[in-house]
Amino acid sequence: MPHDKDAVIRSALGRLTRLVPSSAWRDASEPYTALRAECLVLASDSGFVRDLKRYFTDRSILRRSIVSFFTHISMAARAKWDDAPPDIRPIVARGWFLGRWLPTFLVIDGPVGRFLSGSASPLAARLGSSLPVLTAARDLLAEKSFRSLRNGFAHWGFDWEVVGKESYVVAYDWERDLPIAKLHQEEADAFHICAYSLIEVIDDILISERAFHGDGA
C-alpha cells in the first residue's frame, strides 16, 4: 500500500539527517506519494514522452539492467539469515545486507545514474524547481556520503566493522588505502532503501514496458 511505502521511506530519510541536508524529499510527510505524483506529471507530458521514447531507442540496456536489478534484489531479500546456526548468524546477516546493497549501488553507478544525471537524458533535462521532490531524490544520490559509499562498493573497497553492539560499513579509497566514509549499518541501509524506492518509482512510471498505459514507452 502507498501509505506503507511512505512510512518506510520517511523512516529511512529520518535516519539520514546527519548526512543529508533538508530537502523537499527528506522533509515530505508522504515521500513515496510525492515522488510518484511528480513522475506522473512527467508521464502526462507528450513532449517529454516523445523524448523519452527516443532515449530508450538507443539505450535499451536501461530497461534490461533494471529487470536484472530487481531479479537480484528479490533473491537476496529472500535469504533467511535468522535460520542460520547461532554461531554464524552474524556473518549470514551481514551477507543479507550486502546482498541487497551491492546491486543497488552498482546500478546507480551505471545506467540508472546516467538516466538521472546524464547530459543526454530527457529526465535530467527536466529536473529543477518545477519538480522539487524528484530533483531532491536525485540530489540525495549525489551527496558525498552516498557517493563515497557507492564508490567503495563499486570498486569492492569496503569493510564491515563491529564496535560493541553496533555495526558500521567503511568505504575505502583504493589508491590511498584510506577510509573515505564510515556509516552505521542503519544509515547504509537507509541509503539503499531510498535509492531502491527511487528506482522502483521511475521504473514503474517512466521506464518499464508497463509504463504509459503499457504502450511500450
N, C-alpha and C. Protein backbone atom coordinates (compact mmCIF):
# COMPACT_ATOMS: atom_id res chain seq x y z
N MET A 1 0.84 -1.20 0.00
CA MET A 1 0.00 0.00 0.00
C MET A 1 0.87 1.26 0.00
N PRO A 2 0.44 2.33 -0.72
CA PRO A 2 1.26 3.54 -0.77
C PRO A 2 1.61 4.11 0.59
N HIS A 3 0.65 4.11 1.55
CA HIS A 3 0.96 4.71 2.85
C HIS A 3 2.03 3.92 3.58
N ASP A 4 2.12 2.60 3.33
CA ASP A 4 3.18 1.82 3.94
C ASP A 4 4.54 2.22 3.36
N LYS A 5 4.58 2.44 2.05
CA LYS A 5 5.83 2.87 1.42
C LYS A 5 6.22 4.26 1.88
N ASP A 6 5.23 5.13 2.06
CA ASP A 6 5.53 6.45 2.61
C ASP A 6 6.20 6.32 3.97
N ALA A 7 5.70 5.44 4.80
CA ALA A 7 6.26 5.27 6.14
C ALA A 7 7.67 4.71 6.08
N VAL A 8 7.90 3.74 5.19
CA VAL A 8 9.23 3.13 5.06
C VAL A 8 10.25 4.16 4.61
N ILE A 9 9.91 4.93 3.57
CA ILE A 9 10.85 5.93 3.05
C ILE A 9 11.04 7.06 4.05
N ARG A 10 9.97 7.49 4.69
CA ARG A 10 10.09 8.55 5.69
C ARG A 10 11.02 8.13 6.82
N SER A 11 10.92 6.89 7.25
CA SER A 11 11.80 6.39 8.31
C SER A 11 13.26 6.35 7.83
N ALA A 12 13.46 5.90 6.59
CA ALA A 12 14.82 5.85 6.05
C ALA A 12 15.42 7.24 5.93
N LEU A 13 14.66 8.17 5.41
CA LEU A 13 15.16 9.54 5.29
C LEU A 13 15.45 10.14 6.66
N GLY A 14 14.65 9.76 7.64
CA GLY A 14 14.88 10.24 9.00
C GLY A 14 16.21 9.76 9.57
N ARG A 15 16.66 8.58 9.14
CA ARG A 15 17.95 8.06 9.63
C ARG A 15 19.14 8.72 8.93
N LEU A 16 18.85 9.57 7.95
CA LEU A 16 19.94 10.19 7.18
C LEU A 16 20.11 11.68 7.49
N THR A 17 19.43 12.17 8.52
CA THR A 17 19.50 13.60 8.80
C THR A 17 20.92 14.07 9.12
N ARG A 18 21.76 13.18 9.62
CA ARG A 18 23.16 13.53 9.91
C ARG A 18 23.96 13.72 8.63
N LEU A 19 23.51 13.10 7.55
CA LEU A 19 24.32 13.01 6.34
C LEU A 19 23.80 13.84 5.17
N VAL A 20 22.52 14.13 5.16
CA VAL A 20 21.95 14.86 4.01
C VAL A 20 21.20 16.08 4.50
N PRO A 21 21.22 17.15 3.72
CA PRO A 21 20.54 18.38 4.15
C PRO A 21 19.03 18.30 3.98
N SER A 22 18.36 19.24 4.58
CA SER A 22 16.92 19.35 4.42
C SER A 22 16.58 19.53 2.95
N SER A 23 15.50 18.88 2.51
CA SER A 23 15.10 18.99 1.10
C SER A 23 13.61 18.68 0.98
N ALA A 24 13.07 18.91 -0.21
CA ALA A 24 11.65 18.66 -0.44
C ALA A 24 11.32 17.19 -0.26
N TRP A 25 12.28 16.29 -0.55
CA TRP A 25 12.01 14.87 -0.38
C TRP A 25 12.25 14.44 1.06
N ARG A 26 13.36 14.86 1.63
CA ARG A 26 13.69 14.43 3.00
C ARG A 26 12.62 14.87 3.99
N ASP A 27 12.02 16.04 3.75
CA ASP A 27 11.08 16.60 4.71
C ASP A 27 9.62 16.34 4.36
N ALA A 28 9.37 15.61 3.27
CA ALA A 28 7.99 15.36 2.86
C ALA A 28 7.29 14.41 3.83
N SER A 29 6.03 14.68 4.14
CA SER A 29 5.27 13.80 5.02
C SER A 29 4.91 12.50 4.30
N GLU A 30 4.78 12.56 2.97
CA GLU A 30 4.48 11.39 2.16
C GLU A 30 5.48 11.31 1.01
N PRO A 31 6.71 10.92 1.30
CA PRO A 31 7.77 10.97 0.30
C PRO A 31 7.56 10.05 -0.90
N TYR A 32 6.95 8.90 -0.69
CA TYR A 32 6.67 8.00 -1.82
C TYR A 32 5.57 8.58 -2.69
N THR A 33 4.49 9.03 -2.08
CA THR A 33 3.37 9.60 -2.82
C THR A 33 3.79 10.84 -3.60
N ALA A 34 4.60 11.70 -2.97
CA ALA A 34 5.04 12.92 -3.63
C ALA A 34 5.96 12.61 -4.81
N LEU A 35 6.84 11.64 -4.65
CA LEU A 35 7.74 11.25 -5.72
C LEU A 35 6.95 10.69 -6.91
N ARG A 36 6.01 9.85 -6.60
CA ARG A 36 5.17 9.24 -7.64
C ARG A 36 4.34 10.30 -8.38
N ALA A 37 3.83 11.27 -7.63
CA ALA A 37 3.00 12.31 -8.24
C ALA A 37 3.78 13.12 -9.26
N GLU A 38 5.04 13.45 -8.95
CA GLU A 38 5.83 14.23 -9.90
C GLU A 38 6.19 13.40 -11.13
N CYS A 39 6.43 12.12 -10.96
CA CYS A 39 6.70 11.26 -12.12
C CYS A 39 5.46 11.17 -13.01
N LEU A 40 4.28 11.13 -12.41
CA LEU A 40 3.04 11.07 -13.18
C LEU A 40 2.83 12.36 -13.98
N VAL A 41 3.26 13.49 -13.42
CA VAL A 41 3.19 14.75 -14.16
C VAL A 41 4.04 14.65 -15.43
N LEU A 42 5.24 14.13 -15.29
CA LEU A 42 6.10 13.96 -16.46
C LEU A 42 5.49 13.00 -17.47
N ALA A 43 4.90 11.92 -16.98
CA ALA A 43 4.33 10.91 -17.86
C ALA A 43 3.13 11.43 -18.64
N SER A 44 2.54 12.53 -18.18
CA SER A 44 1.39 13.11 -18.88
C SER A 44 1.81 14.18 -19.89
N ASP A 45 3.10 14.46 -19.96
CA ASP A 45 3.64 15.48 -20.86
C ASP A 45 4.02 14.80 -22.18
N SER A 46 3.29 15.08 -23.25
CA SER A 46 3.51 14.39 -24.52
C SER A 46 4.90 14.67 -25.09
N GLY A 47 5.41 15.88 -24.88
CA GLY A 47 6.74 16.20 -25.38
C GLY A 47 7.81 15.40 -24.66
N PHE A 48 7.66 15.29 -23.36
CA PHE A 48 8.61 14.50 -22.59
C PHE A 48 8.54 13.03 -22.98
N VAL A 49 7.34 12.50 -23.15
CA VAL A 49 7.17 11.10 -23.53
C VAL A 49 7.84 10.84 -24.88
N ARG A 50 7.69 11.76 -25.81
CA ARG A 50 8.34 11.61 -27.12
C ARG A 50 9.86 11.54 -26.97
N ASP A 51 10.42 12.45 -26.18
CA ASP A 51 11.87 12.45 -25.97
C ASP A 51 12.32 11.18 -25.25
N LEU A 52 11.49 10.70 -24.34
CA LEU A 52 11.83 9.50 -23.58
C LEU A 52 11.89 8.29 -24.51
N LYS A 53 10.94 8.19 -25.43
CA LYS A 53 10.92 7.07 -26.36
C LYS A 53 12.17 7.07 -27.24
N ARG A 54 12.58 8.25 -27.66
CA ARG A 54 13.81 8.35 -28.45
C ARG A 54 15.02 7.91 -27.64
N TYR A 55 15.04 8.30 -26.38
CA TYR A 55 16.15 7.93 -25.50
C TYR A 55 16.23 6.42 -25.34
N PHE A 56 15.09 5.77 -25.16
CA PHE A 56 15.07 4.32 -24.97
C PHE A 56 15.43 3.57 -26.24
N THR A 57 15.17 4.16 -27.39
CA THR A 57 15.51 3.51 -28.66
C THR A 57 17.00 3.19 -28.72
N ASP A 58 17.81 4.10 -28.22
CA ASP A 58 19.27 3.93 -28.27
C ASP A 58 19.85 3.34 -26.99
N ARG A 59 19.01 3.19 -25.96
CA ARG A 59 19.54 2.76 -24.66
C ARG A 59 18.63 1.71 -24.03
N SER A 60 18.41 0.62 -24.75
CA SER A 60 17.56 -0.45 -24.23
C SER A 60 18.18 -1.11 -23.00
N ILE A 61 19.49 -0.92 -22.80
CA ILE A 61 20.17 -1.51 -21.64
C ILE A 61 19.61 -0.97 -20.34
N LEU A 62 19.02 0.23 -20.35
CA LEU A 62 18.46 0.77 -19.11
C LEU A 62 17.36 -0.13 -18.59
N ARG A 63 16.39 -0.46 -19.44
CA ARG A 63 15.32 -1.35 -19.02
C ARG A 63 15.87 -2.73 -18.63
N ARG A 64 16.78 -3.24 -19.43
CA ARG A 64 17.32 -4.57 -19.17
C ARG A 64 18.05 -4.61 -17.82
N SER A 65 18.81 -3.56 -17.54
CA SER A 65 19.58 -3.53 -16.28
C SER A 65 18.66 -3.48 -15.07
N ILE A 66 17.53 -2.77 -15.19
CA ILE A 66 16.62 -2.67 -14.06
C ILE A 66 15.91 -4.00 -13.82
N VAL A 67 15.58 -4.72 -14.90
CA VAL A 67 14.99 -6.05 -14.73
C VAL A 67 15.95 -6.97 -13.98
N SER A 68 17.22 -6.96 -14.38
CA SER A 68 18.20 -7.81 -13.70
C SER A 68 18.43 -7.34 -12.27
N PHE A 69 18.34 -6.03 -12.04
CA PHE A 69 18.48 -5.48 -10.69
C PHE A 69 17.38 -6.01 -9.77
N PHE A 70 16.14 -5.93 -10.21
CA PHE A 70 15.03 -6.41 -9.38
C PHE A 70 15.11 -7.93 -9.18
N THR A 71 15.60 -8.64 -10.18
CA THR A 71 15.76 -10.09 -10.05
C THR A 71 16.76 -10.41 -8.94
N HIS A 72 17.89 -9.71 -8.96
CA HIS A 72 18.92 -9.94 -7.94
C HIS A 72 18.39 -9.59 -6.55
N ILE A 73 17.75 -8.44 -6.44
CA ILE A 73 17.24 -7.99 -5.15
C ILE A 73 16.22 -8.97 -4.60
N SER A 74 15.33 -9.48 -5.45
CA SER A 74 14.29 -10.38 -4.97
C SER A 74 14.87 -11.65 -4.39
N MET A 75 15.96 -12.14 -4.96
CA MET A 75 16.60 -13.34 -4.44
C MET A 75 17.36 -13.04 -3.16
N ALA A 76 18.08 -11.92 -3.14
CA ALA A 76 18.86 -11.56 -1.95
C ALA A 76 17.96 -11.33 -0.75
N ALA A 77 16.81 -10.70 -0.99
CA ALA A 77 15.90 -10.37 0.11
C ALA A 77 15.22 -11.60 0.69
N ARG A 78 15.20 -12.71 -0.06
CA ARG A 78 14.53 -13.92 0.42
C ARG A 78 15.41 -14.76 1.35
N ALA A 79 16.67 -14.42 1.41
CA ALA A 79 17.57 -15.19 2.26
C ALA A 79 17.14 -15.09 3.73
N LYS A 80 17.09 -16.21 4.40
CA LYS A 80 16.63 -16.25 5.80
C LYS A 80 17.83 -16.39 6.73
N TRP A 81 18.48 -15.25 6.97
CA TRP A 81 19.69 -15.27 7.79
C TRP A 81 19.40 -15.73 9.22
N ASP A 82 18.16 -15.47 9.71
CA ASP A 82 17.86 -15.84 11.09
C ASP A 82 17.64 -17.34 11.26
N ASP A 83 17.64 -18.10 10.14
CA ASP A 83 17.55 -19.55 10.23
C ASP A 83 18.93 -20.21 10.35
N ALA A 84 19.98 -19.40 10.19
CA ALA A 84 21.33 -19.94 10.26
C ALA A 84 21.69 -20.33 11.69
N PRO A 85 22.63 -21.27 11.87
CA PRO A 85 23.08 -21.63 13.22
C PRO A 85 23.56 -20.39 13.97
N PRO A 86 23.31 -20.29 15.25
CA PRO A 86 23.64 -19.08 16.01
C PRO A 86 25.09 -18.63 15.88
N ASP A 87 26.04 -19.59 15.77
CA ASP A 87 27.44 -19.21 15.76
C ASP A 87 27.85 -18.50 14.47
N ILE A 88 27.10 -18.66 13.38
CA ILE A 88 27.44 -17.98 12.12
C ILE A 88 26.36 -16.97 11.72
N ARG A 89 25.35 -16.80 12.56
CA ARG A 89 24.23 -15.92 12.20
C ARG A 89 24.67 -14.49 11.93
N PRO A 90 25.60 -13.91 12.72
CA PRO A 90 26.02 -12.53 12.40
C PRO A 90 26.64 -12.40 11.02
N ILE A 91 27.44 -13.39 10.61
CA ILE A 91 28.06 -13.34 9.29
C ILE A 91 27.01 -13.46 8.20
N VAL A 92 26.05 -14.37 8.39
CA VAL A 92 24.99 -14.54 7.39
C VAL A 92 24.13 -13.29 7.31
N ALA A 93 23.90 -12.64 8.44
CA ALA A 93 23.11 -11.40 8.44
C ALA A 93 23.84 -10.31 7.66
N ARG A 94 25.15 -10.22 7.82
CA ARG A 94 25.92 -9.25 7.03
C ARG A 94 25.77 -9.54 5.54
N GLY A 95 25.83 -10.83 5.22
CA GLY A 95 25.67 -11.21 3.83
C GLY A 95 24.31 -10.81 3.27
N TRP A 96 23.27 -10.87 4.11
CA TRP A 96 21.93 -10.47 3.69
C TRP A 96 21.90 -8.98 3.35
N PHE A 97 22.52 -8.17 4.21
CA PHE A 97 22.57 -6.73 3.94
C PHE A 97 23.39 -6.45 2.68
N LEU A 98 24.57 -7.04 2.60
CA LEU A 98 25.44 -6.77 1.46
C LEU A 98 24.82 -7.25 0.15
N GLY A 99 24.09 -8.36 0.21
CA GLY A 99 23.44 -8.88 -0.99
C GLY A 99 22.40 -7.93 -1.55
N ARG A 100 21.78 -7.13 -0.69
CA ARG A 100 20.79 -6.13 -1.13
C ARG A 100 21.47 -4.84 -1.53
N TRP A 101 22.53 -4.47 -0.82
CA TRP A 101 23.17 -3.18 -1.10
C TRP A 101 23.96 -3.18 -2.40
N LEU A 102 24.70 -4.24 -2.65
CA LEU A 102 25.60 -4.25 -3.81
C LEU A 102 24.90 -3.91 -5.13
N PRO A 103 23.83 -4.61 -5.52
CA PRO A 103 23.21 -4.27 -6.80
C PRO A 103 22.64 -2.86 -6.83
N THR A 104 22.18 -2.37 -5.68
CA THR A 104 21.63 -1.01 -5.63
C THR A 104 22.69 0.02 -5.97
N PHE A 105 23.84 -0.09 -5.31
CA PHE A 105 24.89 0.89 -5.55
C PHE A 105 25.52 0.73 -6.93
N LEU A 106 25.57 -0.50 -7.43
CA LEU A 106 26.17 -0.73 -8.75
C LEU A 106 25.28 -0.19 -9.87
N VAL A 107 23.97 -0.41 -9.77
CA VAL A 107 23.10 0.06 -10.84
C VAL A 107 23.00 1.59 -10.83
N ILE A 108 23.12 2.19 -9.64
CA ILE A 108 23.15 3.65 -9.56
C ILE A 108 24.43 4.18 -10.20
N ASP A 109 25.51 3.43 -10.08
CA ASP A 109 26.79 3.83 -10.66
C ASP A 109 26.79 3.65 -12.18
N GLY A 110 25.75 2.97 -12.71
CA GLY A 110 25.71 2.68 -14.14
C GLY A 110 24.52 3.31 -14.83
N PRO A 111 23.65 2.51 -15.46
CA PRO A 111 22.57 3.03 -16.30
C PRO A 111 21.60 3.96 -15.59
N VAL A 112 21.21 3.64 -14.36
CA VAL A 112 20.24 4.48 -13.67
C VAL A 112 20.83 5.85 -13.37
N GLY A 113 22.09 5.87 -12.95
CA GLY A 113 22.74 7.15 -12.68
C GLY A 113 22.80 8.03 -13.92
N ARG A 114 23.03 7.43 -15.07
CA ARG A 114 23.08 8.19 -16.32
C ARG A 114 21.69 8.72 -16.69
N PHE A 115 20.67 7.93 -16.40
CA PHE A 115 19.30 8.39 -16.68
C PHE A 115 18.93 9.56 -15.78
N LEU A 116 19.41 9.55 -14.55
CA LEU A 116 19.09 10.61 -13.61
C LEU A 116 19.90 11.88 -13.82
N SER A 117 21.13 11.73 -14.33
CA SER A 117 22.03 12.88 -14.37
C SER A 117 22.74 13.11 -15.69
N GLY A 118 22.67 12.18 -16.62
CA GLY A 118 23.42 12.30 -17.87
C GLY A 118 22.94 13.42 -18.76
N SER A 119 23.85 14.01 -19.52
CA SER A 119 23.51 15.14 -20.38
C SER A 119 22.54 14.77 -21.49
N ALA A 120 22.49 13.50 -21.87
CA ALA A 120 21.58 13.07 -22.94
C ALA A 120 20.21 12.67 -22.43
N SER A 121 20.02 12.63 -21.13
CA SER A 121 18.77 12.14 -20.55
C SER A 121 17.68 13.19 -20.56
N PRO A 122 16.51 12.87 -21.10
CA PRO A 122 15.40 13.83 -21.05
C PRO A 122 14.90 14.07 -19.63
N LEU A 123 15.09 13.08 -18.74
CA LEU A 123 14.69 13.27 -17.35
C LEU A 123 15.60 14.29 -16.67
N ALA A 124 16.90 14.11 -16.84
CA ALA A 124 17.85 15.04 -16.22
C ALA A 124 17.61 16.47 -16.71
N ALA A 125 17.23 16.60 -17.97
CA ALA A 125 16.99 17.94 -18.53
C ALA A 125 15.78 18.63 -17.91
N ARG A 126 14.83 17.85 -17.40
CA ARG A 126 13.61 18.41 -16.83
C ARG A 126 13.72 18.70 -15.34
N LEU A 127 14.67 18.11 -14.67
CA LEU A 127 14.76 18.27 -13.22
C LEU A 127 15.11 19.71 -12.86
N GLY A 128 14.55 20.16 -11.75
CA GLY A 128 14.77 21.53 -11.30
C GLY A 128 13.65 21.95 -10.36
N SER A 129 13.44 23.24 -10.24
CA SER A 129 12.49 23.76 -9.26
C SER A 129 11.05 23.35 -9.53
N SER A 130 10.72 23.01 -10.78
CA SER A 130 9.35 22.60 -11.08
C SER A 130 9.05 21.17 -10.62
N LEU A 131 10.09 20.42 -10.33
CA LEU A 131 9.96 19.04 -9.84
C LEU A 131 10.81 18.89 -8.58
N PRO A 132 10.44 19.57 -7.50
CA PRO A 132 11.33 19.65 -6.33
C PRO A 132 11.60 18.32 -5.64
N VAL A 133 10.61 17.44 -5.55
CA VAL A 133 10.80 16.17 -4.84
C VAL A 133 11.67 15.23 -5.66
N LEU A 134 11.37 15.08 -6.93
CA LEU A 134 12.17 14.21 -7.79
C LEU A 134 13.60 14.73 -7.90
N THR A 135 13.75 16.03 -7.98
CA THR A 135 15.09 16.63 -8.04
C THR A 135 15.85 16.38 -6.74
N ALA A 136 15.17 16.52 -5.60
CA ALA A 136 15.82 16.28 -4.31
C ALA A 136 16.21 14.82 -4.17
N ALA A 137 15.39 13.91 -4.69
CA ALA A 137 15.73 12.48 -4.63
C ALA A 137 16.97 12.21 -5.46
N ARG A 138 17.04 12.81 -6.65
CA ARG A 138 18.25 12.67 -7.47
C ARG A 138 19.47 13.25 -6.76
N ASP A 139 19.28 14.42 -6.16
CA ASP A 139 20.41 15.08 -5.50
C ASP A 139 20.89 14.31 -4.28
N LEU A 140 20.01 13.59 -3.61
CA LEU A 140 20.43 12.79 -2.46
C LEU A 140 21.49 11.77 -2.88
N LEU A 141 21.35 11.24 -4.10
CA LEU A 141 22.31 10.25 -4.59
C LEU A 141 23.65 10.88 -4.98
N ALA A 142 23.69 12.20 -5.00
CA ALA A 142 24.95 12.90 -5.29
C ALA A 142 25.63 13.40 -4.03
N GLU A 143 25.00 13.18 -2.86
CA GLU A 143 25.62 13.61 -1.61
C GLU A 143 26.93 12.85 -1.38
N LYS A 144 27.86 13.52 -0.74
CA LYS A 144 29.21 12.96 -0.57
C LYS A 144 29.20 11.60 0.11
N SER A 145 28.42 11.43 1.15
CA SER A 145 28.41 10.15 1.87
C SER A 145 27.89 9.03 0.98
N PHE A 146 26.83 9.33 0.21
CA PHE A 146 26.29 8.31 -0.68
C PHE A 146 27.31 7.96 -1.76
N ARG A 147 27.91 8.97 -2.37
CA ARG A 147 28.88 8.71 -3.44
C ARG A 147 30.09 7.94 -2.93
N SER A 148 30.56 8.28 -1.74
CA SER A 148 31.71 7.57 -1.19
C SER A 148 31.37 6.11 -0.92
N LEU A 149 30.18 5.88 -0.37
CA LEU A 149 29.75 4.51 -0.12
C LEU A 149 29.58 3.75 -1.43
N ARG A 150 28.93 4.38 -2.39
CA ARG A 150 28.72 3.77 -3.71
C ARG A 150 30.05 3.42 -4.37
N ASN A 151 31.00 4.34 -4.32
CA ASN A 151 32.30 4.08 -4.94
C ASN A 151 33.03 2.95 -4.24
N GLY A 152 32.89 2.88 -2.92
CA GLY A 152 33.52 1.78 -2.19
C GLY A 152 32.98 0.44 -2.64
N PHE A 153 31.66 0.35 -2.82
CA PHE A 153 31.05 -0.89 -3.28
C PHE A 153 31.39 -1.16 -4.74
N ALA A 154 31.39 -0.13 -5.57
CA ALA A 154 31.66 -0.31 -6.99
C ALA A 154 33.07 -0.85 -7.23
N HIS A 155 34.01 -0.48 -6.38
CA HIS A 155 35.40 -0.93 -6.53
C HIS A 155 35.76 -2.04 -5.54
N TRP A 156 34.75 -2.59 -4.90
CA TRP A 156 34.92 -3.63 -3.88
C TRP A 156 35.95 -3.18 -2.83
N GLY A 157 35.82 -1.95 -2.43
CA GLY A 157 36.70 -1.40 -1.41
C GLY A 157 35.91 -1.04 -0.17
N PHE A 158 35.42 -2.03 0.54
CA PHE A 158 34.62 -1.78 1.73
C PHE A 158 34.87 -2.86 2.77
N ASP A 159 34.52 -2.54 3.99
CA ASP A 159 34.70 -3.48 5.09
C ASP A 159 33.55 -3.31 6.07
N TRP A 160 33.37 -4.30 6.91
CA TRP A 160 32.32 -4.29 7.92
C TRP A 160 32.99 -4.28 9.29
N GLU A 161 32.69 -3.29 10.10
CA GLU A 161 33.29 -3.18 11.42
C GLU A 161 32.22 -3.29 12.50
N VAL A 162 32.55 -4.00 13.56
CA VAL A 162 31.64 -4.13 14.70
C VAL A 162 32.31 -3.46 15.90
N VAL A 163 31.63 -2.49 16.47
CA VAL A 163 32.12 -1.78 17.65
C VAL A 163 31.09 -1.97 18.75
N GLY A 164 31.43 -2.79 19.73
CA GLY A 164 30.46 -3.14 20.75
C GLY A 164 29.31 -3.90 20.12
N LYS A 165 28.11 -3.35 20.22
CA LYS A 165 26.94 -3.98 19.62
C LYS A 165 26.51 -3.29 18.33
N GLU A 166 27.30 -2.32 17.88
CA GLU A 166 26.94 -1.55 16.69
C GLU A 166 27.78 -1.97 15.49
N SER A 167 27.15 -1.99 14.32
CA SER A 167 27.84 -2.37 13.08
C SER A 167 27.97 -1.17 12.15
N TYR A 168 29.12 -1.09 11.49
CA TYR A 168 29.41 0.01 10.58
C TYR A 168 29.96 -0.53 9.26
N VAL A 169 29.66 0.17 8.18
CA VAL A 169 30.24 -0.14 6.87
C VAL A 169 31.24 0.96 6.55
N VAL A 170 32.45 0.56 6.19
CA VAL A 170 33.51 1.52 5.90
C VAL A 170 33.91 1.38 4.43
N ALA A 171 33.88 2.49 3.71
CA ALA A 171 34.31 2.51 2.31
C ALA A 171 35.74 3.05 2.26
N TYR A 172 36.55 2.46 1.37
CA TYR A 172 37.97 2.82 1.27
C TYR A 172 38.31 3.36 -0.10
N ASP A 173 39.29 4.25 -0.11
CA ASP A 173 39.91 4.72 -1.35
C ASP A 173 41.04 3.76 -1.68
N TRP A 174 40.97 3.10 -2.83
CA TRP A 174 41.95 2.09 -3.21
C TRP A 174 43.35 2.67 -3.36
N GLU A 175 43.45 3.82 -3.98
CA GLU A 175 44.76 4.42 -4.24
C GLU A 175 45.48 4.81 -2.96
N ARG A 176 44.76 5.38 -2.02
CA ARG A 176 45.38 5.87 -0.79
C ARG A 176 45.29 4.88 0.35
N ASP A 177 44.48 3.82 0.16
CA ASP A 177 44.26 2.82 1.21
C ASP A 177 43.79 3.47 2.50
N LEU A 178 42.87 4.42 2.34
CA LEU A 178 42.34 5.15 3.49
C LEU A 178 40.81 5.11 3.46
N PRO A 179 40.18 5.12 4.64
CA PRO A 179 38.72 5.16 4.68
C PRO A 179 38.19 6.50 4.18
N ILE A 180 37.14 6.47 3.39
CA ILE A 180 36.54 7.70 2.87
C ILE A 180 35.12 7.91 3.39
N ALA A 181 34.55 6.89 4.01
CA ALA A 181 33.22 7.02 4.61
C ALA A 181 33.03 5.91 5.62
N LYS A 182 32.39 6.25 6.74
CA LYS A 182 32.04 5.26 7.74
C LYS A 182 30.60 5.51 8.14
N LEU A 183 29.72 4.59 7.80
CA LEU A 183 28.30 4.75 8.05
C LEU A 183 27.80 3.64 8.96
N HIS A 184 26.94 4.00 9.87
CA HIS A 184 26.27 2.98 10.67
C HIS A 184 25.45 2.09 9.73
N GLN A 185 25.30 0.85 10.10
CA GLN A 185 24.54 -0.10 9.29
C GLN A 185 23.16 0.46 8.93
N GLU A 186 22.50 1.12 9.88
CA GLU A 186 21.17 1.66 9.62
C GLU A 186 21.21 2.80 8.61
N GLU A 187 22.30 3.58 8.60
CA GLU A 187 22.43 4.66 7.62
C GLU A 187 22.67 4.09 6.23
N ALA A 188 23.54 3.09 6.15
CA ALA A 188 23.79 2.46 4.85
C ALA A 188 22.52 1.82 4.31
N ASP A 189 21.76 1.17 5.19
CA ASP A 189 20.53 0.54 4.73
C ASP A 189 19.50 1.60 4.34
N ALA A 190 19.51 2.74 5.01
CA ALA A 190 18.60 3.82 4.65
C ALA A 190 18.92 4.35 3.25
N PHE A 191 20.20 4.47 2.92
CA PHE A 191 20.57 4.88 1.57
C PHE A 191 20.08 3.86 0.55
N HIS A 192 20.23 2.59 0.88
CA HIS A 192 19.73 1.54 -0.02
C HIS A 192 18.22 1.67 -0.22
N ILE A 193 17.48 1.86 0.86
CA ILE A 193 16.02 1.96 0.77
C ILE A 193 15.62 3.15 -0.09
N CYS A 194 16.27 4.28 0.11
CA CYS A 194 15.94 5.48 -0.67
C CYS A 194 16.26 5.28 -2.15
N ALA A 195 17.42 4.73 -2.44
CA ALA A 195 17.80 4.51 -3.84
C ALA A 195 16.88 3.49 -4.49
N TYR A 196 16.60 2.40 -3.77
CA TYR A 196 15.70 1.37 -4.30
C TYR A 196 14.32 1.96 -4.59
N SER A 197 13.81 2.78 -3.68
CA SER A 197 12.48 3.36 -3.85
C SER A 197 12.43 4.28 -5.05
N LEU A 198 13.48 5.08 -5.24
CA LEU A 198 13.53 5.96 -6.40
C LEU A 198 13.54 5.15 -7.69
N ILE A 199 14.35 4.10 -7.73
CA ILE A 199 14.40 3.24 -8.91
C ILE A 199 13.03 2.61 -9.17
N GLU A 200 12.39 2.14 -8.10
CA GLU A 200 11.09 1.49 -8.23
C GLU A 200 10.06 2.43 -8.84
N VAL A 201 10.02 3.68 -8.38
CA VAL A 201 9.02 4.63 -8.86
C VAL A 201 9.29 5.03 -10.31
N ILE A 202 10.54 5.40 -10.63
CA ILE A 202 10.80 5.83 -12.01
C ILE A 202 10.66 4.66 -12.98
N ASP A 203 10.96 3.44 -12.54
CA ASP A 203 10.75 2.29 -13.41
C ASP A 203 9.26 2.08 -13.66
N ASP A 204 8.47 2.13 -12.62
CA ASP A 204 7.04 1.86 -12.73
C ASP A 204 6.35 2.87 -13.65
N ILE A 205 6.76 4.14 -13.58
CA ILE A 205 6.04 5.19 -14.30
C ILE A 205 6.73 5.66 -15.57
N LEU A 206 8.07 5.61 -15.61
CA LEU A 206 8.77 6.22 -16.74
C LEU A 206 9.62 5.26 -17.58
N ILE A 207 9.95 4.08 -17.08
CA ILE A 207 10.92 3.25 -17.79
C ILE A 207 10.36 1.95 -18.31
N SER A 208 9.64 1.20 -17.48
CA SER A 208 9.27 -0.17 -17.82
C SER A 208 8.30 -0.24 -18.99
N GLU A 209 8.15 -1.44 -19.53
CA GLU A 209 7.22 -1.67 -20.63
C GLU A 209 5.77 -1.41 -20.22
N ARG A 210 5.49 -1.50 -18.94
CA ARG A 210 4.11 -1.27 -18.49
C ARG A 210 3.82 0.22 -18.28
N ALA A 211 4.87 1.06 -18.39
CA ALA A 211 4.66 2.49 -18.23
C ALA A 211 3.84 3.05 -19.39
N PHE A 212 3.28 4.24 -19.17
CA PHE A 212 2.46 4.89 -20.19
C PHE A 212 1.36 3.97 -20.69
N HIS A 213 0.63 3.41 -19.76
CA HIS A 213 -0.53 2.55 -20.05
C HIS A 213 -0.13 1.31 -20.82
N GLY A 214 1.11 0.85 -20.62
CA GLY A 214 1.54 -0.40 -21.24
C GLY A 214 1.78 -0.31 -22.72
N ASP A 215 2.03 0.92 -23.23
CA ASP A 215 2.21 1.02 -24.68
C ASP A 215 3.65 0.86 -25.11
N GLY A 216 4.52 0.41 -24.15
CA GLY A 216 5.91 0.16 -24.52
C GLY A 216 6.69 1.43 -24.76
N ALA A 217 6.55 2.43 -23.83
CA ALA A 217 7.25 3.70 -23.98
C ALA A 217 8.73 3.49 -24.17
